[in-house]
C-alpha cells in the first residue's frame, strides 16, 4: 500500500518526465570526411550520426582558437555536405558541431581536414 508521502513525491517526478525527455536531442557525431586535404571553395562530405537539422545547428572548421562557420549544402542523418569558406586560414583544422536544443553546445570532433 502506498503512503501519502510516496504519492506526493511520485507525482512531480511523473509530471516532469515528459518535459525532461522532450528537452533532450541526439548529439551529432562525425566519424569521417571525404577528403583529408582541401582548399577554399572545395565541397566536402562528412559522415557520422545525428547530422540532420533537428540535431545539428551549424558546422565549423576550428584550430582551437579561431572558429570559421562553413556553408552547409545538404544534410541527412548520416552525412553533411559543406563548402570550405574563402575566409578559412590554412592549417590542420578540426570539424566542430553546434547542437540544437534549449542549451546549444559546441563539440570539437575527432575529424580533421588540412586546408591548403
C-alpha atoms as a PDB file:
ATOM      1  CA  UNK A   1       0.000   0.000   0.000  1.00  0.00           C
ATOM      2  CA  UNK A   2       1.358   3.425  -0.947  1.00  0.00           C
ATOM      3  CA  UNK A   3       1.664   6.066   1.688  1.00  0.00           C
ATOM      4  CA  UNK A   4       0.550   9.620   1.096  1.00  0.00           C
ATOM      5  CA  UNK A   5       4.188  10.829   1.249  1.00  0.00           C
ATOM      6  CA  UNK A   6       5.172   8.383  -1.529  1.00  0.00           C
ATOM      7  CA  UNK A   7       2.406   9.702  -3.745  1.00  0.00           C
ATOM      8  CA  UNK A   8       3.403  13.317  -3.095  1.00  0.00           C
ATOM      9  CA  UNK A   9       6.975  12.506  -4.160  1.00  0.00           C
ATOM     10  CA  UNK A  10       5.980  10.457  -7.212  1.00  0.00           C
ATOM     11  CA  UNK A  11       3.597  12.977  -8.805  1.00  0.00           C
ATOM     12  CA  UNK A  12       6.187  15.731  -9.540  1.00  0.00           C
ATOM     13  CA  UNK A  13       8.600  13.148 -10.935  1.00  0.00           C
ATOM     14  CA  UNK A  14       5.974  11.686 -13.265  1.00  0.00           C
ATOM     15  CA  UNK A  15       4.765  15.103 -14.383  1.00  0.00           C
ATOM     16  CA  UNK A  16       8.310  16.333 -15.103  1.00  0.00           C
ATOM     17  CA  UNK A  17       9.456  13.261 -17.044  1.00  0.00           C
ATOM     18  CA  UNK A  18       7.852  14.236 -20.394  1.00  0.00           C
ATOM     19  CA  UNK A  19       9.468  17.692 -20.200  1.00  0.00           C
ATOM     20  CA  UNK A  20      12.876  16.173 -19.499  1.00  0.00           C
ATOM     21  CA  UNK A  21      12.588  13.732 -22.391  1.00  0.00           C
ATOM     22  CA  UNK A  22      11.423  16.458 -24.768  1.00  0.00           C
ATOM     23  CA  UNK A  23      14.399  18.718 -23.974  1.00  0.00           C
ATOM     24  CA  UNK A  24      16.975  16.096 -24.942  1.00  0.00           C
ATOM     25  CA  UNK A  25      18.269  15.964 -28.514  1.00  0.00           C
ATOM     26  CA  UNK A  26      20.638  13.443 -30.020  1.00  0.00           C
ATOM     27  CA  UNK A  27      24.243  14.640 -30.087  1.00  0.00           C
ATOM     28  CA  UNK A  28      25.747  14.911 -33.587  1.00  0.00           C
ATOM     29  CA  UNK A  29      28.870  12.771 -34.078  1.00  0.00           C
ATOM     30  CA  UNK A  30      31.267  12.932 -37.010  1.00  0.00           C
ATOM     31  CA  UNK A  31      33.393   9.895 -37.878  1.00  0.00           C
ATOM     32  CA  UNK A  32      34.961  10.671 -41.296  1.00  0.00           C
ATOM     33  CA  UNK A  33      35.318  13.287 -44.030  1.00  0.00           C
ATOM     34  CA  UNK A  34      35.517  12.709 -47.791  1.00  0.00           C
ATOM     35  CA  UNK A  35      38.960  14.345 -48.154  1.00  0.00           C
ATOM     36  CA  UNK A  36      41.713  14.991 -45.632  1.00  0.00           C
ATOM     37  CA  UNK A  37      43.120  17.867 -47.730  1.00  0.00           C
ATOM     38  CA  UNK A  38      41.101  20.734 -49.204  1.00  0.00           C
ATOM     39  CA  UNK A  39      41.224  24.389 -50.213  1.00  0.00           C
ATOM     40  CA  UNK A  40      38.786  27.280 -50.023  1.00  0.00           C
ATOM     41  CA  UNK A  41      35.769  26.644 -52.234  1.00  0.00           C
ATOM     42  CA  UNK A  42      36.003  22.843 -52.116  1.00  0.00           C
ATOM     43  CA  UNK A  43      32.883  20.839 -51.269  1.00  0.00           C
ATOM     44  CA  UNK A  44      33.350  18.057 -48.711  1.00  0.00           C
ATOM     45  CA  UNK A  45      31.057  15.486 -47.147  1.00  0.00           C
ATOM     46  CA  UNK A  46      31.403  14.390 -43.531  1.00  0.00           C
ATOM     47  CA  UNK A  47      29.712  11.234 -42.281  1.00  0.00           C
ATOM     48  CA  UNK A  48      28.529  10.177 -38.856  1.00  0.00           C
ATOM     49  CA  UNK A  49      25.307  10.102 -36.826  1.00  0.00           C
ATOM     50  CA  UNK A  50      22.562  12.599 -35.955  1.00  0.00           C
ATOM     51  CA  UNK A  51      23.643  15.094 -38.620  1.00  0.00           C
ATOM     52  CA  UNK A  52      20.218  16.401 -39.624  1.00  0.00           C
ATOM     53  CA  UNK A  53      18.726  19.827 -38.874  1.00  0.00           C
ATOM     54  CA  UNK A  54      16.915  18.531 -35.797  1.00  0.00           C
ATOM     55  CA  UNK A  55      20.224  17.864 -34.026  1.00  0.00           C
ATOM     56  CA  UNK A  56      22.892  19.975 -35.784  1.00  0.00           C
ATOM     57  CA  UNK A  57      22.513  23.762 -35.876  1.00  0.00           C
ATOM     58  CA  UNK A  58      25.849  24.683 -37.507  1.00  0.00           C
ATOM     59  CA  UNK A  59      29.229  23.301 -38.565  1.00  0.00           C
ATOM     60  CA  UNK A  60      32.626  24.965 -38.121  1.00  0.00           C
ATOM     61  CA  UNK A  61      36.281  24.465 -39.013  1.00  0.00           C
ATOM     62  CA  UNK A  62      38.483  25.239 -36.000  1.00  0.00           C
ATOM     63  CA  UNK A  63      42.109  25.333 -34.977  1.00  0.00           C
ATOM     64  CA  UNK A  64      41.106  25.568 -31.322  1.00  0.00           C
ATOM     65  CA  UNK A  65      41.313  29.372 -31.311  1.00  0.00           C
ATOM     66  CA  UNK A  66      39.574  30.572 -34.474  1.00  0.00           C
ATOM     67  CA  UNK A  67      36.233  29.022 -35.483  1.00  0.00           C
ATOM     68  CA  UNK A  68      35.106  29.521 -39.086  1.00  0.00           C
ATOM     69  CA  UNK A  69      31.498  28.691 -39.922  1.00  0.00           C
ATOM     70  CA  UNK A  70      31.035  26.651 -43.107  1.00  0.00           C
ATOM     71  CA  UNK A  71      28.133  26.790 -45.553  1.00  0.00           C
ATOM     72  CA  UNK A  72      26.018  23.649 -45.271  1.00  0.00           C
ATOM     73  CA  UNK A  73      24.825  22.465 -48.686  1.00  0.00           C
ATOM     74  CA  UNK A  74      22.982  19.288 -47.688  1.00  0.00           C
ATOM     75  CA  UNK A  75      22.426  17.290 -44.520  1.00  0.00           C
ATOM     76  CA  UNK A  76      20.880  13.953 -43.668  1.00  0.00           C
ATOM     77  CA  UNK A  77      21.016  11.878 -40.527  1.00  0.00           C
ATOM     78  CA  UNK A  78      24.213  10.156 -41.705  1.00  0.00           C
ATOM     79  CA  UNK A  79      26.052  12.837 -43.726  1.00  0.00           C
ATOM     80  CA  UNK A  80      26.563  16.558 -44.107  1.00  0.00           C
ATOM     81  CA  UNK A  81      27.894  18.243 -47.254  1.00  0.00           C
ATOM     82  CA  UNK A  82      29.541  21.630 -46.835  1.00  0.00           C
ATOM     83  CA  UNK A  83      31.652  24.211 -48.669  1.00  0.00           C
ATOM     84  CA  UNK A  84      35.034  25.311 -47.313  1.00  0.00           C
ATOM     85  CA  UNK A  85      34.739  29.103 -46.869  1.00  0.00           C
ATOM     86  CA  UNK A  86      37.121  31.561 -48.530  1.00  0.00           C
ATOM     87  CA  UNK A  87      37.936  33.150 -45.164  1.00  0.00           C
ATOM     88  CA  UNK A  88      39.408  29.978 -43.645  1.00  0.00           C
ATOM     89  CA  UNK A  89      43.109  30.056 -42.732  1.00  0.00           C
ATOM     90  CA  UNK A  90      45.447  27.283 -43.965  1.00  0.00           C
ATOM     91  CA  UNK A  91      46.373  24.556 -41.485  1.00  0.00           C
ATOM     92  CA  UNK A  92      45.132  21.326 -39.944  1.00  0.00           C
ATOM     93  CA  UNK A  93      41.617  22.056 -38.694  1.00  0.00           C
ATOM     94  CA  UNK A  94      39.025  20.030 -36.837  1.00  0.00           C
ATOM     95  CA  UNK A  95      35.336  19.951 -37.628  1.00  0.00           C
ATOM     96  CA  UNK A  96      33.176  21.288 -34.797  1.00  0.00           C
ATOM     97  CA  UNK A  97      29.403  20.944 -34.429  1.00  0.00           C
ATOM     98  CA  UNK A  98      26.884  23.225 -32.741  1.00  0.00           C
ATOM     99  CA  UNK A  99      23.954  21.278 -31.325  1.00  0.00           C
ATOM    100  CA  UNK A 100      20.321  22.346 -31.298  1.00  0.00           C
ATOM    101  CA  UNK A 101      18.058  22.431 -28.256  1.00  0.00           C
ATOM    102  CA  UNK A 102      17.465  24.669 -25.270  1.00  0.00           C
ATOM    103  CA  UNK A 103      21.189  24.857 -24.432  1.00  0.00           C
ATOM    104  CA  UNK A 104      23.207  24.521 -27.668  1.00  0.00           C
ATOM    105  CA  UNK A 105      26.747  23.264 -27.210  1.00  0.00           C
ATOM    106  CA  UNK A 106      29.877  23.229 -29.368  1.00  0.00           C
ATOM    107  CA  UNK A 107      31.699  19.897 -29.738  1.00  0.00           C
ATOM    108  CA  UNK A 108      35.053  19.583 -31.471  1.00  0.00           C
ATOM    109  CA  UNK A 109      35.032  16.329 -33.400  1.00  0.00           C
ATOM    110  CA  UNK A 110      37.988  13.969 -33.978  1.00  0.00           C
ATOM    111  CA  UNK A 111      37.714  14.544 -37.748  1.00  0.00           C
ATOM    112  CA  UNK A 112      40.481  16.717 -39.265  1.00  0.00           C
ATOM    113  CA  UNK A 113      40.981  18.470 -42.612  1.00  0.00           C
ATOM    114  CA  UNK A 114      44.208  20.113 -43.789  1.00  0.00           C
ATOM    115  CA  UNK A 115      43.400  23.389 -45.542  1.00  0.00           C
ATOM    116  CA  UNK A 116      45.988  24.334 -48.161  1.00  0.00           C
END
